[in-house]
Amino acid sequence: MQKTRLRDLREDKDLLQKDIANILGMKQQQYSRYETDENEITVTLLKQLADFYGTSTDYILRLTSEKKPYPRD
């Protein structure tokens, strides 16, 4: 199984799944399913994670390799 960007981003910050789950207000098992692509991530959650990690939703979704977020208008 390929490592997801969510896992890479989390590990870059030396955080555990339970840390991110607490920030998002969910159980670790639920967050784990997003990280392993067992559950499809919602747009709202995707935006929250992009903001938290300071990246773009496209980077998390592997649509770009540019980690830096897009400039805001």
PDB file of N, CA and C in Angstrom:
ATOM      1  N   MET A   1       0.840  -1.182   0.000  1.00  0.00           N
ATOM      2  CA  MET A   1       0.000   0.000   0.000  1.00  0.00           C
ATOM      3  C   MET A   1       0.889   1.251   0.000  1.00  0.00           C
ATOM      4  N   GLN A   2       0.497   2.210  -0.815  1.00  0.00           N
ATOM      5  CA  GLN A   2       1.242   3.462  -0.934  1.00  0.00           C
ATOM      6  C   GLN A   2       0.953   4.361   0.266  1.00  0.00           C
ATOM      7  N   LYS A   3       1.999   4.992   0.777  1.00  0.00           N
ATOM      8  CA  LYS A   3       1.840   5.952   1.862  1.00  0.00           C
ATOM      9  C   LYS A   3       1.053   7.149   1.362  1.00  0.00           C
ATOM     10  N   THR A   4       0.073   7.590   2.114  1.00  0.00           N
ATOM     11  CA  THR A   4      -0.722   8.735   1.691  1.00  0.00           C
ATOM     12  C   THR A   4      -0.041  10.040   2.091  1.00  0.00           C
ATOM     13  N   ARG A   5      -0.440  11.080   1.429  1.00  0.00           N
ATOM     14  CA  ARG A   5       0.101  12.398   1.772  1.00  0.00           C
ATOM     15  C   ARG A   5      -0.312  12.796   3.176  1.00  0.00           C
ATOM     16  N   LEU A   6      -1.512  12.405   3.600  1.00  0.00           N
ATOM     17  CA  LEU A   6      -1.930  12.731   4.963  1.00  0.00           C
ATOM     18  C   LEU A   6      -0.965  12.140   5.977  1.00  0.00           C
ATOM     19  N   ARG A   7      -0.562  10.922   5.747  1.00  0.00           N
ATOM     20  CA  ARG A   7       0.393  10.286   6.658  1.00  0.00           C
ATOM     21  C   ARG A   7       1.739  10.998   6.613  1.00  0.00           C
ATOM     22  N   ASP A   8       2.205  11.317   5.409  1.00  0.00           N
ATOM     23  CA  ASP A   8       3.476  12.043   5.275  1.00  0.00           C
ATOM     24  C   ASP A   8       3.433  13.374   6.018  1.00  0.00           C
ATOM     25  N   LEU A   9       2.359  14.126   5.817  1.00  0.00           N
ATOM     26  CA  LEU A   9       2.237  15.435   6.458  1.00  0.00           C
ATOM     27  C   LEU A   9       2.202  15.292   7.979  1.00  0.00           C
ATOM     28  N   ARG A  10       1.460  14.310   8.462  1.00  0.00           N
ATOM     29  CA  ARG A  10       1.367  14.077   9.913  1.00  0.00           C
ATOM     30  C   ARG A  10       2.727  13.702  10.485  1.00  0.00           C
ATOM     31  N   GLU A  11       3.414  12.790   9.814  1.00  0.00           N
ATOM     32  CA  GLU A  11       4.718  12.343  10.305  1.00  0.00           C
ATOM     33  C   GLU A  11       5.762  13.462  10.242  1.00  0.00           C
ATOM     34  N   ASP A  12       5.651  14.344   9.248  1.00  0.00           N
ATOM     35  CA  ASP A  12       6.570  15.488   9.168  1.00  0.00           C
ATOM     36  C   ASP A  12       6.462  16.379  10.400  1.00  0.00           C
ATOM     37  N   LYS A  13       5.291  16.406  11.027  1.00  0.00           N
ATOM     38  CA  LYS A  13       5.083  17.211  12.236  1.00  0.00           C
ATOM     39  C   LYS A  13       5.254  16.379  13.512  1.00  0.00           C
ATOM     40  N   ASP A  14       5.713  15.132  13.355  1.00  0.00           N
ATOM     41  CA  ASP A  14       5.905  14.235  14.500  1.00  0.00           C
ATOM     42  C   ASP A  14       4.640  14.090  15.340  1.00  0.00           C
ATOM     43  N   LEU A  15       3.499  13.943  14.653  1.00  0.00           N
ATOM     44  CA  LEU A  15       2.218  13.760  15.324  1.00  0.00           C
ATOM     45  C   LEU A  15       1.716  12.336  15.130  1.00  0.00           C
ATOM     46  N   LEU A  16       0.899  11.897  16.050  1.00  0.00           N
ATOM     47  CA  LEU A  16       0.252  10.594  15.958  1.00  0.00           C
ATOM     48  C   LEU A  16      -1.141  10.763  15.358  1.00  0.00           C
ATOM     49  N   GLN A  17      -1.703   9.676  14.871  1.00  0.00           N
ATOM     50  CA  GLN A  17      -3.068   9.731  14.353  1.00  0.00           C
ATOM     51  C   GLN A  17      -4.031  10.256  15.407  1.00  0.00           C
ATOM     52  N   LYS A  18      -3.833   9.845  16.653  1.00  0.00           N
ATOM     53  CA  LYS A  18      -4.743  10.302  17.715  1.00  0.00           C
ATOM     54  C   LYS A  18      -4.634  11.810  17.936  1.00  0.00           C
ATOM     55  N   ASP A  19      -3.456  12.389  17.691  1.00  0.00           N
ATOM     56  CA  ASP A  19      -3.298  13.839  17.821  1.00  0.00           C
ATOM     57  C   ASP A  19      -4.155  14.566  16.791  1.00  0.00           C
ATOM     58  N   ILE A  20      -4.085  14.118  15.542  1.00  0.00           N
ATOM     59  CA  ILE A  20      -4.861  14.748  14.476  1.00  0.00           C
ATOM     60  C   ILE A  20      -6.349  14.499  14.705  1.00  0.00           C
ATOM     61  N   ALA A  21      -6.700  13.291  15.113  1.00  0.00           N
ATOM     62  CA  ALA A  21      -8.102  12.975  15.386  1.00  0.00           C
ATOM     63  C   ALA A  21      -8.663  13.900  16.465  1.00  0.00           C
ATOM     64  N   ASN A  22      -7.887  14.158  17.514  1.00  0.00           N
ATOM     65  CA  ASN A  22      -8.331  15.072  18.575  1.00  0.00           C
ATOM     66  C   ASN A  22      -8.540  16.481  18.041  1.00  0.00           C
ATOM     67  N   ILE A  23      -7.636  16.938  17.196  1.00  0.00           N
ATOM     68  CA  ILE A  23      -7.764  18.277  16.608  1.00  0.00           C
ATOM     69  C   ILE A  23      -9.034  18.368  15.770  1.00  0.00           C
ATOM     70  N   LEU A  24      -9.354  17.290  15.063  1.00  0.00           N
ATOM     71  CA  LEU A  24     -10.524  17.270  14.182  1.00  0.00           C
ATOM     72  C   LEU A  24     -11.812  16.878  14.903  1.00  0.00           C
ATOM     73  N   GLY A  25     -11.701  16.474  16.161  1.00  0.00           N
ATOM     74  CA  GLY A  25     -12.883  16.106  16.928  1.00  0.00           C
ATOM     75  C   GLY A  25     -13.477  14.763  16.543  1.00  0.00           C
ATOM     76  N   MET A  26     -12.613  13.797  16.266  1.00  0.00           N
ATOM     77  CA  MET A  26     -13.085  12.461  15.908  1.00  0.00           C
ATOM     78  C   MET A  26     -12.218  11.424  16.598  1.00  0.00           C
ATOM     79  N   LYS A  27     -12.621  10.176  16.476  1.00  0.00           N
ATOM     80  CA  LYS A  27     -11.842   9.079  17.059  1.00  0.00           C
ATOM     81  C   LYS A  27     -10.670   8.730  16.154  1.00  0.00           C
ATOM     82  N   GLN A  28      -9.627   8.194  16.756  1.00  0.00           N
ATOM     83  CA  GLN A  28      -8.428   7.822  16.005  1.00  0.00           C
ATOM     84  C   GLN A  28      -8.743   6.829  14.897  1.00  0.00           C
ATOM     85  N   GLN A  29      -9.621   5.873  15.170  1.00  0.00           N
ATOM     86  CA  GLN A  29      -9.964   4.855  14.170  1.00  0.00           C
ATOM     87  C   GLN A  29     -10.608   5.488  12.939  1.00  0.00           C
ATOM     88  N   GLN A  30     -11.452   6.483  13.163  1.00  0.00           N
ATOM     89  CA  GLN A  30     -12.104   7.174  12.047  1.00  0.00           C
ATOM     90  C   GLN A  30     -11.064   7.922  11.208  1.00  0.00           C
ATOM     91  N   TYR A  31     -10.175   8.639  11.887  1.00  0.00           N
ATOM     92  CA  TYR A  31      -9.139   9.357  11.142  1.00  0.00           C
ATOM     93  C   TYR A  31      -8.244   8.387  10.383  1.00  0.00           C
ATOM     94  N   SER A  32      -7.922   7.264  10.983  1.00  0.00           N
ATOM     95  CA  SER A  32      -7.071   6.266  10.347  1.00  0.00           C
ATOM     96  C   SER A  32      -7.647   5.815   9.003  1.00  0.00           C
ATOM     97  N   ARG A  33      -8.959   5.701   8.927  1.00  0.00           N
ATOM     98  CA  ARG A  33      -9.601   5.270   7.674  1.00  0.00           C
ATOM     99  C   ARG A  33      -9.431   6.302   6.559  1.00  0.00           C
ATOM    100  N   TYR A  34      -9.354   7.563   6.917  1.00  0.00           N
ATOM    101  CA  TYR A  34      -9.069   8.594   5.905  1.00  0.00           C
ATOM    102  C   TYR A  34      -7.625   8.473   5.435  1.00  0.00           C
ATOM    103  N   GLU A  35      -6.746   8.268   6.389  1.00  0.00           N
ATOM    104  CA  GLU A  35      -5.321   8.214   6.073  1.00  0.00           C
ATOM    105  C   GLU A  35      -4.967   6.990   5.223  1.00  0.00           C
ATOM    106  N   THR A  36      -5.714   5.915   5.377  1.00  0.00           N
ATOM    107  CA  THR A  36      -5.443   4.699   4.608  1.00  0.00           C
ATOM    108  C   THR A  36      -6.345   4.574   3.375  1.00  0.00           C
ATOM    109  N   ASP A  37      -7.093   5.614   3.077  1.00  0.00           N
ATOM    110  CA  ASP A  37      -8.006   5.652   1.922  1.00  0.00           C
ATOM    111  C   ASP A  37      -9.144   4.638   2.016  1.00  0.00           C
ATOM    112  N   GLU A  38      -9.465   4.179   3.222  1.00  0.00           N
ATOM    113  CA  GLU A  38     -10.618   3.290   3.401  1.00  0.00           C
ATOM    114  C   GLU A  38     -11.913   4.083   3.320  1.00  0.00           C
ATOM    115  N   ASN A  39     -11.894   5.328   3.799  1.00  0.00           N
ATOM    116  CA  ASN A  39     -13.044   6.231   3.715  1.00  0.00           C
ATOM    117  C   ASN A  39     -12.668   7.422   2.854  1.00  0.00           C
ATOM    118  N   GLU A  40     -13.637   7.885   2.076  1.00  0.00           N
ATOM    119  CA  GLU A  40     -13.414   9.065   1.248  1.00  0.00           C
ATOM    120  C   GLU A  40     -13.506  10.306   2.124  1.00  0.00           C
ATOM    121  N   ILE A  41     -12.552  11.178   1.970  1.00  0.00           N
ATOM    122  CA  ILE A  41     -12.482  12.385   2.788  1.00  0.00           C
ATOM    123  C   ILE A  41     -13.491  13.422   2.282  1.00  0.00           C
ATOM    124  N   THR A  42     -14.142  14.098   3.210  1.00  0.00           N
ATOM    125  CA  THR A  42     -15.099  15.132   2.824  1.00  0.00           C
ATOM    126  C   THR A  42     -14.357  16.405   2.447  1.00  0.00           C
ATOM    127  N   VAL A  43     -15.022  17.264   1.705  1.00  0.00           N
ATOM    128  CA  VAL A  43     -14.420  18.537   1.302  1.00  0.00           C
ATOM    129  C   VAL A  43     -14.103  19.387   2.532  1.00  0.00           C
ATOM    130  N   THR A  44     -15.003  19.401   3.482  1.00  0.00           N
ATOM    131  CA  THR A  44     -14.795  20.185   4.701  1.00  0.00           C
ATOM    132  C   THR A  44     -13.561  19.711   5.451  1.00  0.00           C
ATOM    133  N   LEU A  45     -13.442  18.415   5.611  1.00  0.00           N
ATOM    134  CA  LEU A  45     -12.283  17.856   6.310  1.00  0.00           C
ATOM    135  C   LEU A  45     -11.001  18.101   5.518  1.00  0.00           C
ATOM    136  N   LEU A  46     -11.073  17.966   4.222  1.00  0.00           N
ATOM    137  CA  LEU A  46      -9.918  18.216   3.361  1.00  0.00           C
ATOM    138  C   LEU A  46      -9.429  19.652   3.522  1.00  0.00           C
ATOM    139  N   LYS A  47     -10.345  20.605   3.554  1.00  0.00           N
ATOM    140  CA  LYS A  47      -9.970  22.010   3.741  1.00  0.00           C
ATOM    141  C   LYS A  47      -9.349  22.241   5.119  1.00  0.00           C
ATOM    142  N   GLN A  48      -9.920  21.618   6.145  1.00  0.00           N
ATOM    143  CA  GLN A  48      -9.369  21.760   7.500  1.00  0.00           C
ATOM    144  C   GLN A  48      -7.936  21.250   7.553  1.00  0.00           C
ATOM    145  N   LEU A  49      -7.705  20.094   6.946  1.00  0.00           N
ATOM    146  CA  LEU A  49      -6.363  19.515   6.969  1.00  0.00           C
ATOM    147  C   LEU A  49      -5.381  20.347   6.155  1.00  0.00           C
ATOM    148  N   ALA A  50      -5.798  20.851   5.024  1.00  0.00           N
ATOM    149  CA  ALA A  50      -4.917  21.697   4.207  1.00  0.00           C
ATOM    150  C   ALA A  50      -4.530  22.953   4.984  1.00  0.00           C
ATOM    151  N   ASP A  51      -5.501  23.563   5.662  1.00  0.00           N
ATOM    152  CA  ASP A  51      -5.208  24.746   6.475  1.00  0.00           C
ATOM    153  C   ASP A  51      -4.270  24.391   7.622  1.00  0.00           C
ATOM    154  N   PHE A  52      -4.526  23.291   8.300  1.00  0.00           N
ATOM    155  CA  PHE A  52      -3.691  22.874   9.425  1.00  0.00           C
ATOM    156  C   PHE A  52      -2.248  22.631   8.991  1.00  0.00           C
ATOM    157  N   TYR A  53      -2.079  21.958   7.864  1.00  0.00           N
ATOM    158  CA  TYR A  53      -0.729  21.622   7.394  1.00  0.00           C
ATOM    159  C   TYR A  53      -0.095  22.723   6.543  1.00  0.00           C
ATOM    160  N   GLY A  54      -0.841  23.772   6.231  1.00  0.00           N
ATOM    161  CA  GLY A  54      -0.289  24.869   5.435  1.00  0.00           C
ATOM    162  C   GLY A  54       0.028  24.447   4.014  1.00  0.00           C
ATOM    163  N   THR A  55      -0.866  23.683   3.425  1.00  0.00           N
ATOM    164  CA  THR A  55      -0.668  23.205   2.058  1.00  0.00           C
ATOM    165  C   THR A  55      -1.981  23.351   1.292  1.00  0.00           C
ATOM    166  N   SER A  56      -2.001  22.881   0.068  1.00  0.00           N
ATOM    167  CA  SER A  56      -3.227  22.959  -0.726  1.00  0.00           C
ATOM    168  C   SER A  56      -3.979  21.634  -0.693  1.00  0.00           C
ATOM    169  N   THR A  57      -5.259  21.707  -0.963  1.00  0.00           N
ATOM    170  CA  THR A  57      -6.046  20.479  -1.068  1.00  0.00           C
ATOM    171  C   THR A  57      -5.539  19.638  -2.235  1.00  0.00           C
ATOM    172  N   ASP A  58      -5.101  20.276  -3.295  1.00  0.00           N
ATOM    173  CA  ASP A  58      -4.561  19.542  -4.446  1.00  0.00           C
ATOM    174  C   ASP A  58      -3.323  18.737  -4.068  1.00  0.00           C
ATOM    175  N   TYR A  59      -2.497  19.275  -3.186  1.00  0.00           N
ATOM    176  CA  TYR A  59      -1.313  18.533  -2.740  1.00  0.00           C
ATOM    177  C   TYR A  59      -1.738  17.282  -1.965  1.00  0.00           C
ATOM    178  N   ILE A  60      -2.690  17.429  -1.062  1.00  0.00           N
ATOM    179  CA  ILE A  60      -3.163  16.276  -0.292  1.00  0.00           C
ATOM    180  C   ILE A  60      -3.751  15.218  -1.216  1.00  0.00           C
ATOM    181  N   LEU A  61      -4.453  15.655  -2.249  1.00  0.00           N
ATOM    182  CA  LEU A  61      -5.100  14.731  -3.193  1.00  0.00           C
ATOM    183  C   LEU A  61      -4.154  14.213  -4.274  1.00  0.00           C
ATOM    184  N   ARG A  62      -2.889  14.596  -4.200  1.00  0.00           N
ATOM    185  CA  ARG A  62      -1.862  14.181  -5.171  1.00  0.00           C
ATOM    186  C   ARG A  62      -2.129  14.690  -6.588  1.00  0.00           C
ATOM    187  N   LEU A  63      -2.744  15.871  -6.686  1.00  0.00           N
ATOM    188  CA  LEU A  63      -2.973  16.490  -7.989  1.00  0.00           C
ATOM    189  C   LEU A  63      -1.815  17.402  -8.380  1.00  0.00           C
ATOM    190  N   THR A  64      -0.965  17.688  -7.398  1.00  0.00           N
ATOM    191  CA  THR A  64       0.233  18.485  -7.633  1.00  0.00           C
ATOM    192  C   THR A  64       1.315  18.010  -6.672  1.00  0.00           C
ATOM    193  N   SER A  65       2.551  18.271  -7.043  1.00  0.00           N
ATOM    194  CA  SER A  65       3.647  17.957  -6.131  1.00  0.00           C
ATOM    195  C   SER A  65       4.134  19.217  -5.411  1.00  0.00           C
ATOM    196  N   GLU A  66       3.484  20.342  -5.685  1.00  0.00           N
ATOM    197  CA  GLU A  66       3.817  21.612  -5.037  1.00  0.00           C
ATOM    198  C   GLU A  66       3.163  21.656  -3.661  1.00  0.00           C
ATOM    199  N   LYS A  67       3.990  21.634  -2.627  1.00  0.00           N
ATOM    200  CA  LYS A  67       3.490  21.578  -1.256  1.00  0.00           C
ATOM    201  C   LYS A  67       2.945  22.916  -0.789  1.00  0.00           C
ATOM    202  N   LYS A  68       3.507  24.001  -1.302  1.00  0.00           N
ATOM    203  CA  LYS A  68       3.110  25.338  -0.884  1.00  0.00           C
ATOM    204  C   LYS A  68       1.674  25.629  -1.313  1.00  0.00           C
ATOM    205  N   PRO A  69       0.871  26.219  -0.426  1.00  0.00           N
ATOM    206  CA  PRO A  69      -0.521  26.501  -0.807  1.00  0.00           C
ATOM    207  C   PRO A  69      -0.605  27.604  -1.860  1.00  0.00           C
ATOM    208  N   TYR A  70      -1.726  27.629  -2.551  1.00  0.00           N
ATOM    209  CA  TYR A  70      -1.958  28.674  -3.541  1.00  0.00           C
ATOM    210  C   TYR A  70      -2.137  30.008  -2.831  1.00  0.00           C
ATOM    211  N   PRO A  71      -1.767  31.098  -3.495  1.00  0.00           N
ATOM    212  CA  PRO A  71      -2.000  32.416  -2.877  1.00  0.00           C
ATOM    213  C   PRO A  71      -3.504  32.689  -2.780  1.00  0.00           C
ATOM    214  N   ARG A  72      -3.914  33.340  -1.704  1.00  0.00           N
ATOM    215  CA  ARG A  72      -5.328  33.676  -1.517  1.00  0.00           C
ATOM    216  C   ARG A  72      -5.591  35.066  -2.071  1.00  0.00           C
ATOM    217  N   ASP A  73      -6.778  35.223  -2.605  1.00  0.00           N
ATOM    218  CA  ASP A  73      -7.153  36.546  -3.150  1.00  0.00           C
ATOM    219  C   ASP A  73      -7.530  37.497  -2.060  1.00  0.00           C
TER     220      ASP A  73
END
